[in-house]
Amino acid sequence: MVPSFHNADKTTHRRVMVVGLLFCVAFVVISFSLRSQPDNGHVLVKADRLVRTAGEPHKAN
């Protein structure tokens, strides 16, 4: 029988899963930290415009 991951014991399986999860978390943390940050405080420009114009009548074409 050829050894494979499917017939490994439970501790080996758990160890491999934890290492994989740690690599995924590290990738997400590194990718978010390397992202360029916005220069101004208005990140949600469209949402700001919608909030400012809420309750006003729609403009006719």
PDB file of N, CA and C in Angstrom:
ATOM      1  N   MET A   1       0.847  -1.185   0.000  1.00  0.00           N
ATOM      2  CA  MET A   1       0.000   0.000   0.000  1.00  0.00           C
ATOM      3  C   MET A   1       0.891   1.246   0.000  1.00  0.00           C
ATOM      4  N   VAL A   2       0.576   2.179  -0.860  1.00  0.00           N
ATOM      5  CA  VAL A   2       1.347   3.401  -0.973  1.00  0.00           C
ATOM      6  C   VAL A   2       0.886   4.369   0.108  1.00  0.00           C
ATOM      7  N   PRO A   3       1.790   4.911   0.913  1.00  0.00           N
ATOM      8  CA  PRO A   3       1.367   5.852   1.956  1.00  0.00           C
ATOM      9  C   PRO A   3       0.845   7.139   1.337  1.00  0.00           C
ATOM     10  N   SER A   4      -0.206   7.644   1.892  1.00  0.00           N
ATOM     11  CA  SER A   4      -0.792   8.884   1.397  1.00  0.00           C
ATOM     12  C   SER A   4      -1.363   9.665   2.566  1.00  0.00           C
ATOM     13  N   PHE A   5      -1.864  10.827   2.274  1.00  0.00           N
ATOM     14  CA  PHE A   5      -2.439  11.670   3.326  1.00  0.00           C
ATOM     15  C   PHE A   5      -3.747  11.088   3.858  1.00  0.00           C
ATOM     16  N   HIS A   6      -4.430  10.302   3.055  1.00  0.00           N
ATOM     17  CA  HIS A   6      -5.737   9.783   3.457  1.00  0.00           C
ATOM     18  C   HIS A   6      -5.640   8.743   4.567  1.00  0.00           C
ATOM     19  N   ASN A   7      -4.546   8.031   4.654  1.00  0.00           N
ATOM     20  CA  ASN A   7      -4.442   7.037   5.723  1.00  0.00           C
ATOM     21  C   ASN A   7      -3.502   7.489   6.831  1.00  0.00           C
ATOM     22  N   ALA A   8      -3.253   8.797   6.949  1.00  0.00           N
ATOM     23  CA  ALA A   8      -2.427   9.334   8.025  1.00  0.00           C
ATOM     24  C   ALA A   8      -3.229   9.358   9.318  1.00  0.00           C
ATOM     25  N   ASP A   9      -2.523   9.428  10.415  1.00  0.00           N
ATOM     26  CA  ASP A   9      -3.227   9.460  11.696  1.00  0.00           C
ATOM     27  C   ASP A   9      -3.843  10.837  11.929  1.00  0.00           C
ATOM     28  N   LYS A  10      -4.663  10.919  12.953  1.00  0.00           N
ATOM     29  CA  LYS A  10      -5.448  12.127  13.203  1.00  0.00           C
ATOM     30  C   LYS A  10      -4.560  13.319  13.574  1.00  0.00           C
ATOM     31  N   THR A  11      -3.498  13.091  14.331  1.00  0.00           N
ATOM     32  CA  THR A  11      -2.644  14.216  14.734  1.00  0.00           C
ATOM     33  C   THR A  11      -1.902  14.802  13.537  1.00  0.00           C
ATOM     34  N   THR A  12      -1.481  13.950  12.612  1.00  0.00           N
ATOM     35  CA  THR A  12      -0.815  14.462  11.412  1.00  0.00           C
ATOM     36  C   THR A  12      -1.786  15.280  10.567  1.00  0.00           C
ATOM     37  N   HIS A  13      -2.993  14.780  10.438  1.00  0.00           N
ATOM     38  CA  HIS A  13      -4.015  15.498   9.674  1.00  0.00           C
ATOM     39  C   HIS A  13      -4.295  16.851  10.316  1.00  0.00           C
ATOM     40  N   ARG A  14      -4.433  16.886  11.625  1.00  0.00           N
ATOM     41  CA  ARG A  14      -4.717  18.132  12.327  1.00  0.00           C
ATOM     42  C   ARG A  14      -3.543  19.101  12.185  1.00  0.00           C
ATOM     43  N   ARG A  15      -2.331  18.604  12.264  1.00  0.00           N
ATOM     44  CA  ARG A  15      -1.146  19.448  12.139  1.00  0.00           C
ATOM     45  C   ARG A  15      -1.065  20.072  10.739  1.00  0.00           C
ATOM     46  N   VAL A  16      -1.351  19.289   9.725  1.00  0.00           N
ATOM     47  CA  VAL A  16      -1.319  19.799   8.359  1.00  0.00           C
ATOM     48  C   VAL A  16      -2.404  20.850   8.155  1.00  0.00           C
ATOM     49  N   MET A  17      -3.575  20.614   8.709  1.00  0.00           N
ATOM     50  CA  MET A  17      -4.662  21.587   8.578  1.00  0.00           C
ATOM     51  C   MET A  17      -4.322  22.895   9.294  1.00  0.00           C
ATOM     52  N   VAL A  18      -3.705  22.823  10.466  1.00  0.00           N
ATOM     53  CA  VAL A  18      -3.341  24.037  11.207  1.00  0.00           C
ATOM     54  C   VAL A  18      -2.269  24.817  10.454  1.00  0.00           C
ATOM     55  N   VAL A  19      -1.292  24.134   9.899  1.00  0.00           N
ATOM     56  CA  VAL A  19      -0.244  24.806   9.135  1.00  0.00           C
ATOM     57  C   VAL A  19      -0.839  25.474   7.899  1.00  0.00           C
ATOM     58  N   GLY A  20      -1.749  24.805   7.216  1.00  0.00           N
ATOM     59  CA  GLY A  20      -2.412  25.402   6.060  1.00  0.00           C
ATOM     60  C   GLY A  20      -3.225  26.626   6.434  1.00  0.00           C
ATOM     61  N   LEU A  21      -3.933  26.554   7.557  1.00  0.00           N
ATOM     62  CA  LEU A  21      -4.716  27.693   8.027  1.00  0.00           C
ATOM     63  C   LEU A  21      -3.807  28.870   8.381  1.00  0.00           C
ATOM     64  N   LEU A  22      -2.679  28.591   9.008  1.00  0.00           N
ATOM     65  CA  LEU A  22      -1.743  29.662   9.349  1.00  0.00           C
ATOM     66  C   LEU A  22      -1.175  30.325   8.093  1.00  0.00           C
ATOM     67  N   PHE A  23      -0.882  29.533   7.068  1.00  0.00           N
ATOM     68  CA  PHE A  23      -0.409  30.119   5.809  1.00  0.00           C
ATOM     69  C   PHE A  23      -1.484  30.999   5.176  1.00  0.00           C
ATOM     70  N   CYS A  24      -2.728  30.576   5.224  1.00  0.00           N
ATOM     71  CA  CYS A  24      -3.819  31.388   4.665  1.00  0.00           C
ATOM     72  C   CYS A  24      -3.972  32.702   5.425  1.00  0.00           C
ATOM     73  N   VAL A  25      -3.933  32.635   6.751  1.00  0.00           N
ATOM     74  CA  VAL A  25      -4.064  33.847   7.561  1.00  0.00           C
ATOM     75  C   VAL A  25      -2.891  34.784   7.301  1.00  0.00           C
ATOM     76  N   ALA A  26      -1.684  34.233   7.208  1.00  0.00           N
ATOM     77  CA  ALA A  26      -0.511  35.067   6.936  1.00  0.00           C
ATOM     78  C   ALA A  26      -0.625  35.732   5.572  1.00  0.00           C
ATOM     79  N   PHE A  27      -1.113  35.012   4.573  1.00  0.00           N
ATOM     80  CA  PHE A  27      -1.279  35.592   3.237  1.00  0.00           C
ATOM     81  C   PHE A  27      -2.271  36.746   3.265  1.00  0.00           C
ATOM     82  N   VAL A  28      -3.388  36.577   3.961  1.00  0.00           N
ATOM     83  CA  VAL A  28      -4.399  37.636   4.029  1.00  0.00           C
ATOM     84  C   VAL A  28      -3.848  38.854   4.760  1.00  0.00           C
ATOM     85  N   VAL A  29      -3.150  38.631   5.867  1.00  0.00           N
ATOM     86  CA  VAL A  29      -2.597  39.751   6.637  1.00  0.00           C
ATOM     87  C   VAL A  29      -1.556  40.503   5.818  1.00  0.00           C
ATOM     88  N   ILE A  30      -0.684  39.782   5.138  1.00  0.00           N
ATOM     89  CA  ILE A  30       0.351  40.435   4.333  1.00  0.00           C
ATOM     90  C   ILE A  30      -0.271  41.188   3.163  1.00  0.00           C
ATOM     91  N   SER A  31      -1.269  40.601   2.507  1.00  0.00           N
ATOM     92  CA  SER A  31      -1.873  41.279   1.355  1.00  0.00           C
ATOM     93  C   SER A  31      -2.623  42.539   1.778  1.00  0.00           C
ATOM     94  N   PHE A  32      -3.272  42.523   2.944  1.00  0.00           N
ATOM     95  CA  PHE A  32      -3.952  43.731   3.404  1.00  0.00           C
ATOM     96  C   PHE A  32      -2.956  44.785   3.866  1.00  0.00           C
ATOM     97  N   SER A  33      -1.850  44.374   4.462  1.00  0.00           N
ATOM     98  CA  SER A  33      -0.887  45.368   4.937  1.00  0.00           C
ATOM     99  C   SER A  33      -0.129  46.009   3.781  1.00  0.00           C
ATOM    100  N   LEU A  34       0.016  45.305   2.661  1.00  0.00           N
ATOM    101  CA  LEU A  34       0.740  45.859   1.515  1.00  0.00           C
ATOM    102  C   LEU A  34      -0.150  46.661   0.574  1.00  0.00           C
ATOM    103  N   ARG A  35      -1.467  46.642   0.828  1.00  0.00           N
ATOM    104  CA  ARG A  35      -2.376  47.410  -0.022  1.00  0.00           C
ATOM    105  C   ARG A  35      -2.154  48.894   0.159  1.00  0.00           C
ATOM    106  N   SER A  36      -2.309  49.645  -0.912  1.00  0.00           N
ATOM    107  CA  SER A  36      -2.156  51.093  -0.806  1.00  0.00           C
ATOM    108  C   SER A  36      -3.363  51.670  -0.075  1.00  0.00           C
ATOM    109  N   GLN A  37      -3.078  52.564   0.847  1.00  0.00           N
ATOM    110  CA  GLN A  37      -4.134  53.180   1.640  1.00  0.00           C
ATOM    111  C   GLN A  37      -4.638  54.430   0.918  1.00  0.00           C
ATOM    112  N   PRO A  38      -5.929  54.738   1.035  1.00  0.00           N
ATOM    113  CA  PRO A  38      -6.455  55.944   0.383  1.00  0.00           C
ATOM    114  C   PRO A  38      -5.863  57.206   1.018  1.00  0.00           C
ATOM    115  N   ASP A  39      -5.634  58.213   0.184  1.00  0.00           N
ATOM    116  CA  ASP A  39      -5.028  59.446   0.665  1.00  0.00           C
ATOM    117  C   ASP A  39      -6.003  60.314   1.453  1.00  0.00           C
ATOM    118  N   ASN A  40      -7.253  60.301   1.061  1.00  0.00           N
ATOM    119  CA  ASN A  40      -8.218  61.152   1.740  1.00  0.00           C
ATOM    120  C   ASN A  40      -9.140  60.303   2.620  1.00  0.00           C
ATOM    121  N   GLY A  41      -9.989  60.970   3.370  1.00  0.00           N
ATOM    122  CA  GLY A  41     -10.892  60.279   4.269  1.00  0.00           C
ATOM    123  C   GLY A  41     -12.185  59.845   3.611  1.00  0.00           C
ATOM    124  N   HIS A  42     -12.401  60.223   2.349  1.00  0.00           N
ATOM    125  CA  HIS A  42     -13.647  59.884   1.665  1.00  0.00           C
ATOM    126  C   HIS A  42     -13.456  58.612   0.857  1.00  0.00           C
ATOM    127  N   VAL A  43     -13.582  57.502   1.531  1.00  0.00           N
ATOM    128  CA  VAL A  43     -13.413  56.221   0.862  1.00  0.00           C
ATOM    129  C   VAL A  43     -14.691  55.852   0.117  1.00  0.00           C
ATOM    130  N   LEU A  44     -15.821  56.117   0.737  1.00  0.00           N
ATOM    131  CA  LEU A  44     -17.100  55.738   0.152  1.00  0.00           C
ATOM    132  C   LEU A  44     -17.772  56.964  -0.455  1.00  0.00           C
ATOM    133  N   VAL A  45     -17.276  57.397  -1.591  1.00  0.00           N
ATOM    134  CA  VAL A  45     -17.784  58.620  -2.220  1.00  0.00           C
ATOM    135  C   VAL A  45     -19.222  58.441  -2.672  1.00  0.00           C
ATOM    136  N   LYS A  46     -19.528  57.303  -3.282  1.00  0.00           N
ATOM    137  CA  LYS A  46     -20.889  57.070  -3.769  1.00  0.00           C
ATOM    138  C   LYS A  46     -21.868  57.002  -2.597  1.00  0.00           C
ATOM    139  N   ALA A  47     -21.482  56.332  -1.514  1.00  0.00           N
ATOM    140  CA  ALA A  47     -22.364  56.244  -0.347  1.00  0.00           C
ATOM    141  C   ALA A  47     -22.554  57.612   0.284  1.00  0.00           C
ATOM    142  N   ASP A  48     -21.511  58.430   0.327  1.00  0.00           N
ATOM    143  CA  ASP A  48     -21.650  59.783   0.869  1.00  0.00           C
ATOM    144  C   ASP A  48     -22.624  60.602   0.048  1.00  0.00           C
ATOM    145  N   ARG A  49     -22.549  60.470  -1.284  1.00  0.00           N
ATOM    146  CA  ARG A  49     -23.452  61.220  -2.151  1.00  0.00           C
ATOM    147  C   ARG A  49     -24.890  60.753  -1.948  1.00  0.00           C
ATOM    148  N   LEU A  50     -25.090  59.446  -1.783  1.00  0.00           N
ATOM    149  CA  LEU A  50     -26.440  58.938  -1.565  1.00  0.00           C
ATOM    150  C   LEU A  50     -27.014  59.433  -0.248  1.00  0.00           C
ATOM    151  N   VAL A  51     -26.183  59.518   0.773  1.00  0.00           N
ATOM    152  CA  VAL A  51     -26.667  59.989   2.076  1.00  0.00           C
ATOM    153  C   VAL A  51     -26.988  61.475   2.018  1.00  0.00           C
ATOM    154  N   ARG A  52     -26.167  62.241   1.309  1.00  0.00           N
ATOM    155  CA  ARG A  52     -26.420  63.680   1.214  1.00  0.00           C
ATOM    156  C   ARG A  52     -27.693  63.984   0.449  1.00  0.00           C
ATOM    157  N   THR A  53     -27.999  63.181  -0.570  1.00  0.00           N
ATOM    158  CA  THR A  53     -29.165  63.468  -1.405  1.00  0.00           C
ATOM    159  C   THR A  53     -30.408  62.691  -0.980  1.00  0.00           C
ATOM    160  N   ALA A  54     -30.342  62.005   0.133  1.00  0.00           N
ATOM    161  CA  ALA A  54     -31.503  61.227   0.597  1.00  0.00           C
ATOM    162  C   ALA A  54     -32.630  62.171   0.972  1.00  0.00           C
ATOM    163  N   GLY A  55     -33.825  61.871   0.521  1.00  0.00           N
ATOM    164  CA  GLY A  55     -34.996  62.670   0.835  1.00  0.00           C
ATOM    165  C   GLY A  55     -35.278  63.780  -0.160  1.00  0.00           C
ATOM    166  N   GLU A  56     -34.335  64.068  -1.044  1.00  0.00           N
ATOM    167  CA  GLU A  56     -34.576  65.092  -2.064  1.00  0.00           C
ATOM    168  C   GLU A  56     -35.329  64.469  -3.231  1.00  0.00           C
ATOM    169  N   PRO A  57     -36.169  65.257  -3.899  1.00  0.00           N
ATOM    170  CA  PRO A  57     -36.879  64.701  -5.058  1.00  0.00           C
ATOM    171  C   PRO A  57     -35.908  64.406  -6.204  1.00  0.00           C
ATOM    172  N   HIS A  58     -36.222  63.391  -6.979  1.00  0.00           N
ATOM    173  CA  HIS A  58     -35.378  63.030  -8.120  1.00  0.00           C
ATOM    174  C   HIS A  58     -35.457  64.102  -9.203  1.00  0.00           C
ATOM    175  N   LYS A  59     -34.352  64.306  -9.877  1.00  0.00           N
ATOM    176  CA  LYS A  59     -34.312  65.286 -10.953  1.00  0.00           C
ATOM    177  C   LYS A  59     -34.965  64.699 -12.203  1.00  0.00           C
ATOM    178  N   ALA A  60     -35.781  65.484 -12.865  1.00  0.00           N
ATOM    179  CA  ALA A  60     -36.414  65.055 -14.106  1.00  0.00           C
ATOM    180  C   ALA A  60     -35.435  65.245 -15.257  1.00  0.00           C
ATOM    181  N   ASN A  61     -35.494  64.359 -16.226  1.00  0.00           N
ATOM    182  CA  ASN A  61     -34.575  64.473 -17.367  1.00  0.00           C
ATOM    183  C   ASN A  61     -35.008  65.573 -18.295  1.00  0.00           C
TER     184      ASN A  61
END
